[in-house]
Amino acid sequence: MPTFVYMTRCDGCGYCVDICPSDIMHIDKVTRRAYNIEPNMCWECYSCVKACPQDAIDVRGYADFAPLGHSVRVRRDEEKGVIAWRIKFRNGEKDMELLAPITTKPWGKHIPQLSAVPAPSQAMRDSQLLFNEPKYIRMDEGDLHTLESNGLVMKEGVYY
């Protein structure tokens, strides 16, 4: 479901605008508050919800995990390393908290230094490949590499 902004909580910091991949979060020029300009185009990635330091952005949950008349709060807790989805039912009796580990890098860290990357050559521009694609999938060395050829072993489970 698309996100929405509580105007009383929003301070207009712009984190949601910076992180939104579909470019639908904007800052109102008059009120200096964020708002979703096109809810139907929301990718439902909830990046804006997780990035908001004021907890001003919420979501409307799907009926398969929360019934009508509920509220869903999403909080990113850096200290515990989790994202908590708190679902409160409309009767007020049932309250659930779902936890998921944070698997992304901290906000504002590891910003790529693209100015230090050499510009693509004319041959790279004429190619059908994306910028730096051969380097990152290791095709620029003349052969397709596998886990085995690199001396790696696939491990079971998820590691954080």
Protein backbone atom coordinates (compact mmCIF):
# COMPACT_ATOMS: atom_id res chain seq x y z
CA MET A 1 0.00 0.00 0.00
CA PRO A 2 1.27 3.51 -0.62
CA THR A 3 2.83 5.63 2.06
CA PHE A 4 1.36 8.76 3.60
CA VAL A 5 2.83 11.58 5.69
CA TYR A 6 1.66 12.92 9.03
CA MET A 7 2.12 16.65 8.46
CA THR A 8 2.33 17.41 12.18
CA ARG A 9 5.35 15.12 12.61
CA CYS A 10 7.22 16.03 9.40
CA ASP A 11 9.97 18.64 9.70
CA GLY A 12 10.79 18.80 5.97
CA CYS A 13 14.29 17.31 6.26
CA GLY A 14 14.02 15.76 2.78
CA TYR A 15 15.45 12.31 3.55
CA CYS A 16 12.35 10.72 2.00
CA VAL A 17 12.77 12.81 -1.14
CA ASP A 18 16.42 11.81 -1.49
CA ILE A 19 15.83 8.08 -1.07
CA CYS A 20 12.57 7.57 -3.03
CA PRO A 21 13.39 5.48 -6.13
CA SER A 22 10.20 6.48 -7.96
CA ASP A 23 10.65 10.21 -7.22
CA ILE A 24 7.14 10.68 -5.85
CA MET A 25 8.03 12.12 -2.45
CA HIS A 26 8.23 15.91 -2.63
CA ILE A 27 8.49 18.83 -0.24
CA ASP A 28 5.61 21.29 -0.36
CA LYS A 29 7.02 24.78 -1.04
CA VAL A 30 4.47 26.52 1.17
CA THR A 31 4.27 24.28 4.23
CA ARG A 32 7.81 22.80 3.96
CA ARG A 33 6.42 19.32 4.62
CA ALA A 34 6.83 16.11 2.62
CA TYR A 35 3.98 14.54 0.72
CA ASN A 36 3.41 11.71 -1.75
CA ILE A 37 2.49 13.35 -5.07
CA GLU A 38 1.33 10.15 -6.78
CA PRO A 39 0.33 7.34 -4.37
CA ASN A 40 -0.65 5.05 -7.26
CA MET A 41 2.94 5.08 -8.52
CA CYS A 42 4.45 4.07 -5.15
CA TRP A 43 6.79 1.07 -5.48
CA GLU A 44 6.01 0.11 -1.88
CA CYS A 45 9.69 -0.26 -1.04
CA TYR A 46 9.12 1.74 2.18
CA SER A 47 12.57 3.31 1.93
CA CYS A 48 11.06 6.68 2.87
CA VAL A 49 9.39 5.16 5.94
CA LYS A 50 12.64 3.63 7.14
CA ALA A 51 14.70 6.76 6.42
CA CYS A 52 12.40 9.27 8.13
CA PRO A 53 14.03 10.38 11.41
CA GLN A 54 10.74 11.85 12.70
CA ASP A 55 8.60 8.71 12.09
CA ALA A 56 6.30 10.95 10.07
CA ILE A 57 5.63 8.48 7.24
CA ASP A 58 3.34 5.50 7.66
CA VAL A 59 1.82 2.82 5.46
CA ARG A 60 -1.56 1.30 5.05
CA GLY A 61 -1.05 -2.42 5.51
CA TYR A 62 -2.46 -5.16 3.32
CA ALA A 63 -5.49 -7.11 4.52
CA ASP A 64 -3.51 -10.36 4.51
CA PHE A 65 -1.50 -9.28 7.57
CA ALA A 66 -3.65 -6.56 9.12
CA PRO A 67 -7.46 -6.11 9.00
CA LEU A 68 -9.32 -2.95 8.07
CA GLY A 69 -9.22 -0.19 10.61
CA HIS A 70 -5.70 -0.94 11.78
CA SER A 71 -2.60 1.18 12.03
CA VAL A 72 0.89 0.19 10.94
CA ARG A 73 3.99 1.90 12.34
CA VAL A 74 7.38 1.14 10.90
CA ARG A 75 10.44 2.04 12.95
CA ARG A 76 14.10 1.59 12.15
CA ASP A 77 16.03 0.92 15.35
CA GLU A 78 19.74 1.30 14.60
CA GLU A 79 20.82 0.29 18.11
CA LYS A 80 19.01 -3.06 18.00
CA GLY A 81 19.69 -3.53 14.29
CA VAL A 82 16.05 -4.21 13.40
CA ILE A 83 13.12 -2.74 11.54
CA ALA A 84 9.95 -3.14 13.61
CA TRP A 85 6.51 -3.27 12.05
CA ARG A 86 3.93 -2.57 14.76
CA ILE A 87 0.36 -3.45 13.87
CA LYS A 88 -2.43 -2.24 16.11
CA PHE A 89 -5.92 -3.54 15.45
CA ARG A 90 -8.90 -1.19 15.52
CA ASN A 91 -10.40 -2.81 18.62
CA GLY A 92 -7.21 -1.94 20.49
CA GLU A 93 -6.97 -5.43 21.99
CA LYS A 94 -4.49 -7.03 19.64
CA ASP A 95 -1.08 -5.51 19.12
CA MET A 96 1.62 -7.25 17.08
CA GLU A 97 5.23 -6.33 16.49
CA LEU A 98 7.08 -7.97 13.60
CA LEU A 99 10.86 -7.66 13.54
CA ALA A 100 13.21 -7.88 10.57
CA PRO A 101 16.99 -7.39 10.64
CA ILE A 102 18.46 -4.31 9.01
CA THR A 103 20.40 -5.48 5.99
CA THR A 104 21.28 -2.09 4.53
CA LYS A 105 24.20 0.19 5.25
CA PRO A 106 23.77 3.07 7.72
CA TRP A 107 22.21 6.23 6.30
CA GLY A 108 24.79 8.60 4.85
CA LYS A 109 27.66 6.09 4.94
CA HIS A 110 29.51 4.56 2.01
CA ILE A 111 28.68 7.28 -0.49
CA PRO A 112 30.37 6.37 -3.78
CA GLN A 113 33.10 8.72 -4.97
CA LEU A 114 31.96 8.84 -8.58
CA SER A 115 34.17 11.83 -9.35
CA ALA A 116 37.21 9.57 -8.85
CA VAL A 117 35.95 6.98 -11.36
CA PRO A 118 37.41 7.44 -14.85
CA ALA A 119 34.98 8.51 -17.55
CA PRO A 120 33.81 5.81 -19.97
CA SER A 121 35.63 5.55 -23.28
CA GLN A 122 33.87 5.90 -26.62
CA ALA A 123 33.91 2.09 -27.03
CA MET A 124 32.15 1.74 -23.65
CA ARG A 125 29.56 4.32 -24.69
CA ASP A 126 28.85 2.49 -27.93
CA SER A 127 28.52 -0.85 -26.13
CA GLN A 128 25.20 -2.39 -25.09
CA LEU A 129 26.55 -3.05 -21.59
CA LEU A 130 25.87 -0.83 -18.61
CA PHE A 131 28.61 1.32 -17.07
CA ASN A 132 31.14 -0.90 -15.23
CA GLU A 133 28.97 -3.99 -15.84
CA PRO A 134 31.84 -6.17 -17.15
CA LYS A 135 33.99 -5.30 -14.14
CA TYR A 136 31.35 -6.15 -11.57
CA ILE A 137 30.28 -9.43 -13.14
CA ARG A 138 33.94 -10.23 -13.90
CA MET A 139 33.65 -10.58 -17.64
CA ASP A 140 36.41 -8.11 -18.46
CA GLU A 141 39.09 -10.74 -17.76
CA GLY A 142 38.02 -12.79 -20.78
CA ASP A 143 35.98 -15.52 -19.12
CA LEU A 144 32.88 -15.95 -17.01
CA HIS A 145 33.88 -16.68 -13.43
CA THR A 146 32.04 -19.04 -11.11
CA LEU A 147 32.14 -19.63 -7.36
CA GLU A 148 34.27 -22.71 -7.93
CA SER A 149 36.80 -20.96 -10.17
CA ASN A 150 37.26 -18.29 -7.47
CA GLY A 151 37.73 -20.85 -4.71
CA LEU A 152 34.43 -19.98 -3.02
CA VAL A 153 31.77 -22.23 -1.53
CA MET A 154 28.05 -21.48 -1.25
CA LYS A 155 26.94 -21.47 2.39
CA GLU A 156 23.47 -22.26 3.62
CA GLY A 157 21.48 -19.74 5.58
CA VAL A 158 21.44 -15.97 5.82
CA TYR A 159 24.35 -14.12 7.36
CA TYR A 160 24.19 -10.54 8.62
